[in-house]
Amino acid sequence: MRLRWEPVPADWSDGVRAVLPFARWVPWFAAALGVFSAVLLVLGQVLPAVFGLCCAVLIGALPPFAAWSAFRRDPIAGRVITAEVDERSLRMMTLDGTAYSVVEFAGLAGWRETERSFVLATGGSAFHVVPGRAFASTEDIDAFRGLLTAALGAR
């Protein structure tokens, strides 16, 4: 199976949320802090309420900003990636040939399917993201999911 995609910062955000559990809770924490701050505002505690609301906005904005910033700093981010998939591995290369990576399915720490991508965890906080838009059809997506399930088990 052949894949092709151009990475975007949202792919990296997907990967971070899938691999780092605390990142999934950040929006909920920011929302709870915002609600508590609004309650303080209603109770007449203006200064703590404003401080809490500012912190809630900052906490909610940090993960997307961090992903965008990391994406911008990476020298190969945003370059078109092509990939070959077989039953044992995923071989990725930038279209211009400046980077090449082989991901053996047996060597992965795990995988997770998000709403828009597959996140292949390579250990620790490292990962590779394969977005759904890289596949030519839903049959290819199903086949890729099947390969990952056969190699690593259900997510």
C-alpha atoms as a PDB file:
ATOM      1  CA  MET A   1       0.000   0.000   0.000  1.00  0.00           C
ATOM      2  CA  ARG A   2       1.293   3.458  -0.875  1.00  0.00           C
ATOM      3  CA  LEU A   3       0.571   6.571   1.166  1.00  0.00           C
ATOM      4  CA  ARG A   4       1.212  10.269   0.644  1.00  0.00           C
ATOM      5  CA  TRP A   5       0.569  13.283   2.866  1.00  0.00           C
ATOM      6  CA  GLU A   6       1.783  16.693   3.888  1.00  0.00           C
ATOM      7  CA  PRO A   7       2.135  16.961   7.687  1.00  0.00           C
ATOM      8  CA  VAL A   8       0.314  19.766   9.501  1.00  0.00           C
ATOM      9  CA  PRO A   9       0.585  20.930  13.134  1.00  0.00           C
ATOM     10  CA  ALA A  10      -2.735  19.213  13.983  1.00  0.00           C
ATOM     11  CA  ASP A  11      -1.067  15.858  13.219  1.00  0.00           C
ATOM     12  CA  TRP A  12       1.526  16.555  15.884  1.00  0.00           C
ATOM     13  CA  SER A  13      -1.177  17.603  18.346  1.00  0.00           C
ATOM     14  CA  ASP A  14      -2.916  14.297  17.680  1.00  0.00           C
ATOM     15  CA  GLY A  15       0.303  12.436  18.394  1.00  0.00           C
ATOM     16  CA  VAL A  16       0.991  14.289  21.628  1.00  0.00           C
ATOM     17  CA  ARG A  17      -2.546  13.690  22.915  1.00  0.00           C
ATOM     18  CA  ALA A  18      -2.324  10.000  22.019  1.00  0.00           C
ATOM     19  CA  VAL A  19       1.099   9.345  23.551  1.00  0.00           C
ATOM     20  CA  LEU A  20       1.088  11.640  26.602  1.00  0.00           C
ATOM     21  CA  PRO A  21      -1.957  10.936  28.796  1.00  0.00           C
ATOM     22  CA  PHE A  22      -1.845  14.255  30.658  1.00  0.00           C
ATOM     23  CA  ALA A  23      -2.226  16.121  27.370  1.00  0.00           C
ATOM     24  CA  ARG A  24      -5.710  14.628  26.946  1.00  0.00           C
ATOM     25  CA  TRP A  25      -6.767  16.196  30.267  1.00  0.00           C
ATOM     26  CA  VAL A  26      -5.499  19.720  29.591  1.00  0.00           C
ATOM     27  CA  PRO A  27      -8.712  21.019  27.946  1.00  0.00           C
ATOM     28  CA  TRP A  28     -10.818  19.589  30.788  1.00  0.00           C
ATOM     29  CA  PHE A  29      -8.575  21.147  33.416  1.00  0.00           C
ATOM     30  CA  ALA A  30      -8.678  24.511  31.639  1.00  0.00           C
ATOM     31  CA  ALA A  31     -12.484  24.319  31.389  1.00  0.00           C
ATOM     32  CA  ALA A  32     -12.862  23.423  35.084  1.00  0.00           C
ATOM     33  CA  LEU A  33     -10.565  26.282  36.078  1.00  0.00           C
ATOM     34  CA  GLY A  34     -12.594  28.621  33.873  1.00  0.00           C
ATOM     35  CA  VAL A  35     -15.865  27.513  35.499  1.00  0.00           C
ATOM     36  CA  PHE A  36     -14.471  27.933  39.013  1.00  0.00           C
ATOM     37  CA  SER A  37     -13.136  31.358  38.051  1.00  0.00           C
ATOM     38  CA  ALA A  38     -16.552  32.357  36.695  1.00  0.00           C
ATOM     39  CA  VAL A  39     -18.109  31.294  40.012  1.00  0.00           C
ATOM     40  CA  LEU A  40     -15.582  33.493  41.814  1.00  0.00           C
ATOM     41  CA  LEU A  41     -16.568  36.367  39.552  1.00  0.00           C
ATOM     42  CA  VAL A  42     -20.255  35.868  40.413  1.00  0.00           C
ATOM     43  CA  LEU A  43     -19.326  35.830  44.109  1.00  0.00           C
ATOM     44  CA  GLY A  44     -17.621  39.205  43.747  1.00  0.00           C
ATOM     45  CA  GLN A  45     -14.008  37.994  43.898  1.00  0.00           C
ATOM     46  CA  VAL A  46     -12.914  39.904  40.816  1.00  0.00           C
ATOM     47  CA  LEU A  47      -9.112  39.717  41.104  1.00  0.00           C
ATOM     48  CA  PRO A  48      -8.896  35.934  41.752  1.00  0.00           C
ATOM     49  CA  ALA A  49     -11.551  35.359  39.063  1.00  0.00           C
ATOM     50  CA  VAL A  50      -9.649  37.340  36.427  1.00  0.00           C
ATOM     51  CA  PHE A  51      -6.419  35.579  37.388  1.00  0.00           C
ATOM     52  CA  GLY A  52      -8.121  32.170  37.121  1.00  0.00           C
ATOM     53  CA  LEU A  53      -9.689  32.994  33.762  1.00  0.00           C
ATOM     54  CA  CYS A  54      -6.347  34.190  32.397  1.00  0.00           C
ATOM     55  CA  CYS A  55      -4.684  30.991  33.635  1.00  0.00           C
ATOM     56  CA  ALA A  56      -7.457  28.860  32.098  1.00  0.00           C
ATOM     57  CA  VAL A  57      -6.969  30.529  28.714  1.00  0.00           C
ATOM     58  CA  LEU A  58      -3.188  30.114  28.959  1.00  0.00           C
ATOM     59  CA  ILE A  59      -3.448  26.454  29.978  1.00  0.00           C
ATOM     60  CA  GLY A  60      -5.875  25.745  27.141  1.00  0.00           C
ATOM     61  CA  ALA A  61      -3.717  27.523  24.573  1.00  0.00           C
ATOM     62  CA  LEU A  62      -0.342  26.043  25.519  1.00  0.00           C
ATOM     63  CA  PRO A  63      -0.629  22.538  23.980  1.00  0.00           C
ATOM     64  CA  PRO A  64      -1.725  23.712  20.517  1.00  0.00           C
ATOM     65  CA  PHE A  65       0.890  26.467  20.598  1.00  0.00           C
ATOM     66  CA  ALA A  66       3.603  23.994  21.669  1.00  0.00           C
ATOM     67  CA  ALA A  67       2.661  21.629  18.819  1.00  0.00           C
ATOM     68  CA  TRP A  68       2.653  24.482  16.310  1.00  0.00           C
ATOM     69  CA  SER A  69       6.005  25.749  17.623  1.00  0.00           C
ATOM     70  CA  ALA A  70       7.635  22.295  17.528  1.00  0.00           C
ATOM     71  CA  PHE A  71       6.266  21.790  14.031  1.00  0.00           C
ATOM     72  CA  ARG A  72       7.774  25.081  12.846  1.00  0.00           C
ATOM     73  CA  ARG A  73      11.192  24.244  14.350  1.00  0.00           C
ATOM     74  CA  ASP A  74      11.423  20.799  12.755  1.00  0.00           C
ATOM     75  CA  PRO A  75      13.437  20.977   9.523  1.00  0.00           C
ATOM     76  CA  ILE A  76      11.363  18.348   7.703  1.00  0.00           C
ATOM     77  CA  ALA A  77       7.924  19.296   8.995  1.00  0.00           C
ATOM     78  CA  GLY A  78       5.557  20.380   6.288  1.00  0.00           C
ATOM     79  CA  ARG A  79       7.373  18.459   3.560  1.00  0.00           C
ATOM     80  CA  VAL A  80       5.377  15.951   1.576  1.00  0.00           C
ATOM     81  CA  ILE A  81       5.874  12.401   2.855  1.00  0.00           C
ATOM     82  CA  THR A  82       5.442   9.227   0.882  1.00  0.00           C
ATOM     83  CA  ALA A  83       5.229   5.807   2.504  1.00  0.00           C
ATOM     84  CA  GLU A  84       5.180   2.127   1.599  1.00  0.00           C
ATOM     85  CA  VAL A  85       3.337  -0.242   3.907  1.00  0.00           C
ATOM     86  CA  ASP A  86       3.632  -4.020   4.026  1.00  0.00           C
ATOM     87  CA  GLU A  87       2.709  -6.600   6.662  1.00  0.00           C
ATOM     88  CA  ARG A  88       5.887  -5.947   8.698  1.00  0.00           C
ATOM     89  CA  SER A  89       6.779  -2.275   8.341  1.00  0.00           C
ATOM     90  CA  LEU A  90       6.075   1.284   7.305  1.00  0.00           C
ATOM     91  CA  ARG A  91       8.804   2.943   5.236  1.00  0.00           C
ATOM     92  CA  MET A  92       8.491   6.714   5.087  1.00  0.00           C
ATOM     93  CA  MET A  93      10.470   9.199   3.026  1.00  0.00           C
ATOM     94  CA  THR A  94      10.139  12.873   2.275  1.00  0.00           C
ATOM     95  CA  LEU A  95       9.308  13.520  -1.345  1.00  0.00           C
ATOM     96  CA  ASP A  96      12.598  15.361  -1.853  1.00  0.00           C
ATOM     97  CA  GLY A  97      14.559  12.446  -0.299  1.00  0.00           C
ATOM     98  CA  THR A  98      16.038  14.395   2.613  1.00  0.00           C
ATOM     99  CA  ALA A  99      14.705  12.032   5.297  1.00  0.00           C
ATOM    100  CA  TYR A 100      13.973   8.316   5.429  1.00  0.00           C
ATOM    101  CA  SER A 101      12.568   6.230   8.267  1.00  0.00           C
ATOM    102  CA  VAL A 102      11.607   2.583   8.646  1.00  0.00           C
ATOM    103  CA  VAL A 103       9.120   1.662  11.357  1.00  0.00           C
ATOM    104  CA  GLU A 104       8.966  -2.067  12.068  1.00  0.00           C
ATOM    105  CA  PHE A 105       5.518  -2.878  13.469  1.00  0.00           C
ATOM    106  CA  ALA A 106       6.972  -5.492  15.832  1.00  0.00           C
ATOM    107  CA  GLY A 107       9.223  -2.821  17.374  1.00  0.00           C
ATOM    108  CA  LEU A 108       6.420  -0.398  18.189  1.00  0.00           C
ATOM    109  CA  ALA A 109       5.403   0.220  21.797  1.00  0.00           C
ATOM    110  CA  GLY A 110       1.762   0.525  20.701  1.00  0.00           C
ATOM    111  CA  TRP A 111      -0.660   2.344  18.481  1.00  0.00           C
ATOM    112  CA  ARG A 112      -3.793   4.428  18.776  1.00  0.00           C
ATOM    113  CA  GLU A 113      -6.369   5.519  16.250  1.00  0.00           C
ATOM    114  CA  THR A 114      -7.706   9.039  16.700  1.00  0.00           C
ATOM    115  CA  GLU A 115     -10.504  10.764  14.813  1.00  0.00           C
ATOM    116  CA  ARG A 116      -8.153  11.803  12.048  1.00  0.00           C
ATOM    117  CA  SER A 117      -4.990   9.689  12.259  1.00  0.00           C
ATOM    118  CA  PHE A 118      -3.064   6.650  13.405  1.00  0.00           C
ATOM    119  CA  VAL A 119      -0.412   7.333  16.036  1.00  0.00           C
ATOM    120  CA  LEU A 120       2.410   4.803  16.171  1.00  0.00           C
ATOM    121  CA  ALA A 121       4.164   4.982  19.554  1.00  0.00           C
ATOM    122  CA  THR A 122       7.838   4.085  19.309  1.00  0.00           C
ATOM    123  CA  GLY A 123       8.560   4.296  23.040  1.00  0.00           C
ATOM    124  CA  GLY A 124       8.647   7.034  25.635  1.00  0.00           C
ATOM    125  CA  SER A 125       7.122  10.137  24.135  1.00  0.00           C
ATOM    126  CA  ALA A 126       8.281   9.418  20.562  1.00  0.00           C
ATOM    127  CA  PHE A 127       5.738   8.701  17.845  1.00  0.00           C
ATOM    128  CA  HIS A 128       4.947   8.730  14.140  1.00  0.00           C
ATOM    129  CA  VAL A 129       1.616  10.023  12.894  1.00  0.00           C
ATOM    130  CA  VAL A 130      -0.064   8.665   9.787  1.00  0.00           C
ATOM    131  CA  PRO A 131      -3.079  10.876   9.023  1.00  0.00           C
ATOM    132  CA  GLY A 132      -6.235   9.446   7.525  1.00  0.00           C
ATOM    133  CA  ARG A 133      -5.898  11.776   4.548  1.00  0.00           C
ATOM    134  CA  ALA A 134      -2.767   9.805   3.522  1.00  0.00           C
ATOM    135  CA  PHE A 135      -4.894   6.834   2.473  1.00  0.00           C
ATOM    136  CA  ALA A 136      -6.501   6.551  -0.940  1.00  0.00           C
ATOM    137  CA  SER A 137      -9.660   4.841   0.331  1.00  0.00           C
ATOM    138  CA  THR A 138     -11.471   3.597   3.426  1.00  0.00           C
ATOM    139  CA  GLU A 139     -10.436   0.084   2.379  1.00  0.00           C
ATOM    140  CA  ASP A 140      -6.791   1.152   2.753  1.00  0.00           C
ATOM    141  CA  ILE A 141      -7.554   2.555   6.209  1.00  0.00           C
ATOM    142  CA  ASP A 142      -9.203  -0.721   7.200  1.00  0.00           C
ATOM    143  CA  ALA A 143      -6.258  -2.704   5.812  1.00  0.00           C
ATOM    144  CA  PHE A 144      -3.745  -0.554   7.742  1.00  0.00           C
ATOM    145  CA  ARG A 145      -5.774  -0.976  10.936  1.00  0.00           C
ATOM    146  CA  GLY A 146      -5.773  -4.721  10.279  1.00  0.00           C
ATOM    147  CA  LEU A 147      -1.988  -4.784   9.867  1.00  0.00           C
ATOM    148  CA  LEU A 148      -1.496  -2.920  13.142  1.00  0.00           C
ATOM    149  CA  THR A 149      -3.959  -5.173  14.954  1.00  0.00           C
ATOM    150  CA  ALA A 150      -2.277  -8.304  13.614  1.00  0.00           C
ATOM    151  CA  ALA A 151       1.189  -7.072  14.603  1.00  0.00           C
ATOM    152  CA  LEU A 152       0.405  -5.408  17.958  1.00  0.00           C
ATOM    153  CA  GLY A 153      -3.089  -6.413  18.981  1.00  0.00           C
ATOM    154  CA  ALA A 154      -6.093  -4.178  19.444  1.00  0.00           C
ATOM    155  CA  ARG A 155      -5.373  -0.608  20.452  1.00  0.00           C
END
